[in-house]
Structure formats: structure tokens, C-alpha cells
């Protein structure tokens, strides 16, 4: 499995990584929550979204990966296939 950050020309490479690693996404009125929304939008436009999501599930990554937050991936549980 190729690490997602090794893919070339991904949309997430054009923005700062802090957007993909918010500290608190529970408070809908803070900047971190807003950053998470923007990060997820970037993921939705990426052709590598599925492999990125699979990587995050397989390796227990923190932050926004494949258009999902850590808690969203936790709720998905075994429904996400990993290679």
C-alpha cells in the first residue's frame, strides 16, 4: 500500500497540513471546525480519496483522511475495506 502523501498532484498538497489536523471539531463555532469542513471538501474532489481513507483506517491515523474525521472513521468501523 502506497502512503497517500506519496501520490503526486493531490489537492491537499496545495494547502497547509494544519487544515487536515484540527484540534477540536466538536464546537461548530470555532475555526478548527470550519477548517475540517474545508479539508473534507478538498478530499471530496480528490481521485485518491478511497486509498487515503483505507490508509487511515488501516493505520489508525488522526485528522482528516479521505474526507472523514477520526470519529467518522470510528463509526464506520468494519464497513471500510482495506487492502
N, C-alpha and C. Protein backbone atom coordinates (compact mmCIF):
# COMPACT_ATOMS: atom_id res chain seq x y z
N UNK A 1 0.85 -1.17 0.00
CA UNK A 1 0.00 0.00 0.00
C UNK A 1 0.90 1.24 0.00
N UNK A 2 0.63 2.14 -0.93
CA UNK A 2 1.42 3.38 -1.05
C UNK A 2 0.86 4.42 -0.08
N UNK A 3 1.74 5.05 0.71
CA UNK A 3 1.27 6.11 1.62
C UNK A 3 0.63 7.24 0.80
N UNK A 4 -0.51 7.75 1.23
CA UNK A 4 -1.21 8.79 0.48
C UNK A 4 -0.37 10.03 0.18
N UNK A 5 0.53 10.39 1.07
CA UNK A 5 1.31 11.61 0.84
C UNK A 5 2.35 11.41 -0.26
N UNK A 6 2.49 10.20 -0.76
CA UNK A 6 3.41 9.93 -1.87
C UNK A 6 2.74 10.10 -3.23
N UNK A 7 1.41 10.21 -3.26
CA UNK A 7 0.72 10.44 -4.53
C UNK A 7 1.10 11.83 -5.03
N UNK A 8 1.17 11.97 -6.33
CA UNK A 8 1.55 13.26 -6.91
C UNK A 8 0.31 14.09 -7.26
N UNK A 9 0.45 15.38 -7.13
CA UNK A 9 -0.58 16.33 -7.54
C UNK A 9 -1.93 16.11 -6.87
N UNK A 10 -1.92 15.86 -5.59
CA UNK A 10 -3.18 15.75 -4.86
C UNK A 10 -3.63 17.14 -4.43
N UNK A 11 -4.94 17.37 -4.36
CA UNK A 11 -5.43 18.69 -3.97
C UNK A 11 -4.94 19.14 -2.58
N UNK A 12 -4.74 18.19 -1.67
CA UNK A 12 -4.34 18.55 -0.31
C UNK A 12 -2.91 19.10 -0.25
N UNK A 13 -2.11 18.82 -1.26
CA UNK A 13 -0.74 19.32 -1.26
C UNK A 13 -0.66 20.82 -1.50
N UNK A 14 -1.75 21.40 -1.97
CA UNK A 14 -1.73 22.84 -2.28
C UNK A 14 -2.14 23.71 -1.09
N UNK A 15 -2.50 23.08 0.04
CA UNK A 15 -2.89 23.82 1.24
C UNK A 15 -2.06 23.36 2.42
N UNK A 16 -2.08 24.11 3.48
CA UNK A 16 -1.31 23.75 4.67
C UNK A 16 -1.86 22.50 5.36
N UNK A 17 -0.99 21.71 5.91
CA UNK A 17 -1.40 20.47 6.55
C UNK A 17 -2.20 20.70 7.83
N UNK A 18 -2.06 21.89 8.45
CA UNK A 18 -2.79 22.16 9.69
C UNK A 18 -4.30 22.07 9.49
N UNK A 19 -4.77 22.31 8.27
CA UNK A 19 -6.18 22.21 7.98
C UNK A 19 -6.69 20.77 8.16
N UNK A 20 -5.81 19.81 7.91
CA UNK A 20 -6.19 18.40 7.97
C UNK A 20 -5.98 17.77 9.35
N UNK A 21 -5.47 18.55 10.26
CA UNK A 21 -5.24 18.04 11.62
C UNK A 21 -5.81 19.01 12.66
N UNK A 22 -7.14 19.22 12.62
CA UNK A 22 -7.77 20.14 13.57
C UNK A 22 -7.69 19.60 14.99
N UNK A 23 -7.61 20.49 15.96
CA UNK A 23 -7.53 20.09 17.36
C UNK A 23 -8.89 19.73 17.93
N UNK A 24 -9.93 20.47 17.52
CA UNK A 24 -11.26 20.26 18.10
C UNK A 24 -12.32 20.50 17.03
N UNK A 25 -13.04 19.45 16.66
CA UNK A 25 -14.10 19.60 15.66
C UNK A 25 -15.48 19.46 16.30
N UNK A 26 -15.54 19.46 17.63
CA UNK A 26 -16.83 19.32 18.31
C UNK A 26 -17.59 20.63 18.42
N UNK A 27 -16.88 21.74 18.51
CA UNK A 27 -17.51 23.05 18.64
C UNK A 27 -17.71 23.65 17.24
N UNK A 28 -18.93 23.71 16.80
CA UNK A 28 -19.23 24.16 15.44
C UNK A 28 -18.97 25.64 15.21
N UNK A 29 -18.61 26.37 16.26
CA UNK A 29 -18.39 27.80 16.12
C UNK A 29 -16.91 28.18 16.20
N UNK A 30 -16.03 27.18 16.17
CA UNK A 30 -14.61 27.55 16.22
C UNK A 30 -13.96 27.35 14.86
N UNK A 31 -12.79 27.93 14.70
CA UNK A 31 -12.07 27.86 13.43
C UNK A 31 -11.64 26.46 13.06
N UNK A 32 -11.38 25.63 14.05
CA UNK A 32 -10.96 24.26 13.77
C UNK A 32 -12.07 23.48 13.05
N UNK A 33 -13.28 23.68 13.48
CA UNK A 33 -14.43 23.02 12.85
C UNK A 33 -14.56 23.47 11.39
N UNK A 34 -14.42 24.77 11.17
CA UNK A 34 -14.50 25.32 9.82
C UNK A 34 -13.38 24.75 8.95
N UNK A 35 -12.17 24.66 9.48
CA UNK A 35 -11.05 24.08 8.74
C UNK A 35 -11.35 22.63 8.36
N UNK A 36 -11.96 21.88 9.25
CA UNK A 36 -12.30 20.48 8.96
C UNK A 36 -13.27 20.40 7.79
N UNK A 37 -14.23 21.32 7.75
CA UNK A 37 -15.19 21.34 6.63
C UNK A 37 -14.46 21.59 5.32
N UNK A 38 -13.57 22.57 5.29
CA UNK A 38 -12.81 22.86 4.08
C UNK A 38 -11.91 21.70 3.68
N UNK A 39 -11.28 21.09 4.66
CA UNK A 39 -10.40 19.94 4.38
C UNK A 39 -11.21 18.80 3.75
N UNK A 40 -12.37 18.54 4.28
CA UNK A 40 -13.21 17.47 3.74
C UNK A 40 -13.65 17.79 2.31
N UNK A 41 -13.93 19.05 2.03
CA UNK A 41 -14.29 19.45 0.66
C UNK A 41 -13.15 19.19 -0.30
N UNK A 42 -11.95 19.47 0.14
CA UNK A 42 -10.77 19.20 -0.70
C UNK A 42 -10.67 17.71 -0.97
N UNK A 43 -10.89 16.90 0.04
CA UNK A 43 -10.82 15.44 -0.12
C UNK A 43 -11.87 14.95 -1.13
N UNK A 44 -13.06 15.53 -1.07
CA UNK A 44 -14.13 15.07 -1.95
C UNK A 44 -13.79 15.25 -3.43
N UNK A 45 -12.91 16.18 -3.73
CA UNK A 45 -12.54 16.42 -5.13
C UNK A 45 -11.32 15.60 -5.56
N UNK A 46 -10.80 14.78 -4.68
CA UNK A 46 -9.55 14.07 -4.95
C UNK A 46 -9.80 12.65 -5.48
N UNK A 47 -9.06 12.30 -6.51
CA UNK A 47 -9.18 10.96 -7.08
C UNK A 47 -8.58 9.88 -6.16
N UNK A 48 -7.81 10.28 -5.17
CA UNK A 48 -7.18 9.33 -4.25
C UNK A 48 -7.93 9.22 -2.92
N UNK A 49 -9.15 9.67 -2.89
CA UNK A 49 -9.92 9.69 -1.65
C UNK A 49 -10.04 8.30 -1.02
N UNK A 50 -10.40 7.30 -1.80
CA UNK A 50 -10.59 5.95 -1.26
C UNK A 50 -9.29 5.34 -0.72
N UNK A 51 -8.18 5.37 -1.47
CA UNK A 51 -6.95 4.83 -0.90
C UNK A 51 -6.48 5.58 0.34
N UNK A 52 -6.75 6.87 0.38
CA UNK A 52 -6.39 7.67 1.55
C UNK A 52 -7.21 7.24 2.76
N UNK A 53 -8.50 7.03 2.55
CA UNK A 53 -9.38 6.57 3.62
C UNK A 53 -8.95 5.18 4.10
N UNK A 54 -8.64 4.30 3.18
CA UNK A 54 -8.20 2.95 3.54
C UNK A 54 -6.92 3.00 4.38
N UNK A 55 -6.00 3.89 4.01
CA UNK A 55 -4.75 4.04 4.76
C UNK A 55 -5.05 4.47 6.20
N UNK A 56 -5.92 5.46 6.34
CA UNK A 56 -6.25 5.98 7.67
C UNK A 56 -6.89 4.92 8.55
N UNK A 57 -7.75 4.11 7.97
CA UNK A 57 -8.40 3.04 8.72
C UNK A 57 -7.38 1.97 9.11
N UNK A 58 -6.57 1.58 8.17
CA UNK A 58 -5.59 0.51 8.41
C UNK A 58 -4.56 0.91 9.47
N UNK A 59 -4.11 2.16 9.44
CA UNK A 59 -3.03 2.59 10.32
C UNK A 59 -3.49 3.49 11.47
N UNK A 60 -4.80 3.68 11.62
CA UNK A 60 -5.32 4.44 12.75
C UNK A 60 -4.87 5.89 12.78
N UNK A 61 -4.85 6.52 11.62
CA UNK A 61 -4.37 7.91 11.53
C UNK A 61 -5.32 8.88 12.23
N UNK A 62 -4.76 9.98 12.68
CA UNK A 62 -5.53 11.08 13.26
C UNK A 62 -5.76 12.12 12.18
N UNK A 63 -6.77 12.96 12.37
CA UNK A 63 -7.02 14.04 11.43
C UNK A 63 -7.99 13.67 10.32
N UNK A 64 -8.02 14.52 9.30
CA UNK A 64 -8.90 14.32 8.15
C UNK A 64 -8.16 13.51 7.10
N UNK A 65 -8.71 12.36 6.77
CA UNK A 65 -8.15 11.49 5.74
C UNK A 65 -9.30 10.96 4.90
N UNK A 66 -9.18 11.04 3.58
CA UNK A 66 -10.21 10.51 2.71
C UNK A 66 -11.57 11.14 2.94
N UNK A 67 -11.58 12.39 3.37
CA UNK A 67 -12.83 13.11 3.58
C UNK A 67 -13.57 12.75 4.85
N UNK A 68 -12.87 12.12 5.80
CA UNK A 68 -13.51 11.73 7.06
C UNK A 68 -12.67 12.18 8.25
N UNK A 69 -13.36 12.40 9.36
CA UNK A 69 -12.67 12.69 10.61
C UNK A 69 -12.38 11.37 11.33
N UNK A 70 -11.59 11.45 12.35
CA UNK A 70 -11.28 10.27 13.15
C UNK A 70 -12.55 9.63 13.72
N UNK A 71 -13.45 10.45 14.25
CA UNK A 71 -14.68 9.91 14.84
C UNK A 71 -15.59 9.31 13.76
N UNK A 72 -15.61 9.88 12.57
CA UNK A 72 -16.41 9.30 11.49
C UNK A 72 -15.87 7.94 11.09
N UNK A 73 -14.54 7.83 11.02
CA UNK A 73 -13.94 6.53 10.68
C UNK A 73 -14.22 5.50 11.77
N UNK A 74 -14.21 5.94 13.00
CA UNK A 74 -14.51 5.03 14.12
C UNK A 74 -15.94 4.50 13.98
N UNK A 75 -16.87 5.39 13.65
CA UNK A 75 -18.27 4.97 13.49
C UNK A 75 -18.45 4.05 12.29
N UNK A 76 -17.62 4.21 11.26
CA UNK A 76 -17.70 3.34 10.08
C UNK A 76 -17.30 1.91 10.44
N UNK A 77 -16.37 1.82 11.35
CA UNK A 77 -15.91 0.51 11.81
C UNK A 77 -15.43 -0.38 10.68
N UNK A 78 -15.93 -1.56 10.64
CA UNK A 78 -15.50 -2.57 9.68
C UNK A 78 -16.12 -2.39 8.29
N UNK A 79 -16.92 -1.35 8.10
CA UNK A 79 -17.56 -1.15 6.81
C UNK A 79 -16.61 -0.62 5.75
N UNK A 80 -15.41 -0.22 6.15
CA UNK A 80 -14.43 0.29 5.20
C UNK A 80 -13.47 -0.83 4.87
N UNK A 81 -13.36 -1.12 3.58
CA UNK A 81 -12.45 -2.18 3.14
C UNK A 81 -11.02 -1.65 3.11
N UNK A 82 -10.10 -2.45 3.57
CA UNK A 82 -8.68 -2.09 3.44
C UNK A 82 -7.97 -3.19 2.69
N UNK A 83 -6.97 -2.81 1.92
CA UNK A 83 -6.22 -3.77 1.12
C UNK A 83 -5.22 -4.52 1.96
